[in-house]
């Protein structure tokens, strides 16, 4: 069984956090963040898809983007 540790706004303002948003026109579809824990280690933080946008691929696209950015930054875990 997993656990969730979402960050509040002050936590997301940390310099080791990168935050992205997915928009569908003027509608916020979802958000996701990556926290760098070390040079080769990152953690997905505060990922959320708006209820109205679920099942449309926004969450999948956000996770794929976060993983790609982490790999490009040298994070292997």
Protein backbone atom coordinates (compact mmCIF):
# COMPACT_ATOMS: atom_id res chain seq x y z
CA UNK A 1 0.00 0.00 0.00
CA UNK A 2 1.39 3.43 -0.97
CA UNK A 3 1.32 6.76 0.70
CA UNK A 4 0.86 10.33 -0.53
CA UNK A 5 2.74 13.38 0.67
CA UNK A 6 1.43 16.34 -1.37
CA UNK A 7 3.08 19.72 -0.94
CA UNK A 8 1.23 22.92 -0.15
CA UNK A 9 2.01 26.19 -1.97
CA UNK A 10 4.97 27.08 0.25
CA UNK A 11 6.48 23.62 -0.33
CA UNK A 12 6.07 23.99 -4.09
CA UNK A 13 8.01 27.28 -4.00
CA UNK A 14 11.22 25.47 -2.98
CA UNK A 15 14.11 25.85 -5.47
CA UNK A 16 14.45 22.05 -5.78
CA UNK A 17 10.84 21.75 -7.04
CA UNK A 18 9.73 22.21 -10.66
CA UNK A 19 5.98 22.56 -11.23
CA UNK A 20 4.06 22.13 -14.51
CA UNK A 21 0.42 22.65 -15.43
CA UNK A 22 -1.61 21.19 -18.30
CA UNK A 23 -4.26 23.46 -19.78
CA UNK A 24 -7.17 22.69 -22.09
CA UNK A 25 -7.83 26.16 -23.44
CA UNK A 26 -8.67 28.23 -20.38
CA UNK A 27 -9.33 25.18 -18.19
CA UNK A 28 -6.67 23.80 -15.86
CA UNK A 29 -6.53 20.07 -16.63
CA UNK A 30 -3.84 19.05 -14.17
CA UNK A 31 -0.62 19.78 -12.35
CA UNK A 32 2.49 17.85 -11.45
CA UNK A 33 5.81 18.56 -9.80
CA UNK A 34 9.26 17.02 -9.61
CA UNK A 35 11.45 17.35 -6.53
CA UNK A 36 15.17 16.75 -6.93
CA UNK A 37 16.36 14.74 -3.93
CA UNK A 38 19.95 14.31 -5.14
CA UNK A 39 21.89 14.48 -8.41
CA UNK A 40 20.44 11.15 -9.58
CA UNK A 41 17.22 10.89 -7.55
CA UNK A 42 13.89 12.66 -8.05
CA UNK A 43 10.38 12.31 -6.70
CA UNK A 44 7.01 13.09 -8.31
CA UNK A 45 5.13 15.53 -6.08
CA UNK A 46 1.63 17.01 -5.95
CA UNK A 47 0.33 15.41 -9.13
CA UNK A 48 -3.40 16.00 -9.69
CA UNK A 49 -5.81 15.82 -12.61
CA UNK A 50 -9.04 17.82 -12.50
CA UNK A 51 -12.04 15.51 -12.15
CA UNK A 52 -13.60 16.75 -15.40
CA UNK A 53 -10.38 15.92 -17.28
CA UNK A 54 -9.88 12.38 -15.96
CA UNK A 55 -9.80 9.64 -18.54
CA UNK A 56 -8.61 12.02 -21.27
CA UNK A 57 -4.86 11.40 -20.95
CA UNK A 58 -3.83 14.52 -19.01
CA UNK A 59 -2.40 12.58 -16.07
CA UNK A 60 -0.58 10.14 -18.35
CA UNK A 61 0.90 13.04 -20.34
CA UNK A 62 2.00 14.83 -17.16
CA UNK A 63 3.70 11.73 -15.74
CA UNK A 64 5.47 11.03 -19.05
CA UNK A 65 6.70 14.64 -19.12
CA UNK A 66 7.99 14.51 -15.54
CA UNK A 67 9.83 11.23 -16.19
CA UNK A 68 11.38 12.59 -19.40
CA UNK A 69 12.57 15.77 -17.66
CA UNK A 70 14.01 13.76 -14.78
CA UNK A 71 15.90 11.45 -17.12
CA UNK A 72 17.21 14.42 -19.15
CA UNK A 73 18.46 15.92 -15.86
CA UNK A 74 20.40 12.74 -15.06
CA UNK A 75 17.98 11.25 -12.53
CA UNK A 76 17.95 7.46 -12.73
CA UNK A 77 15.62 6.90 -9.80
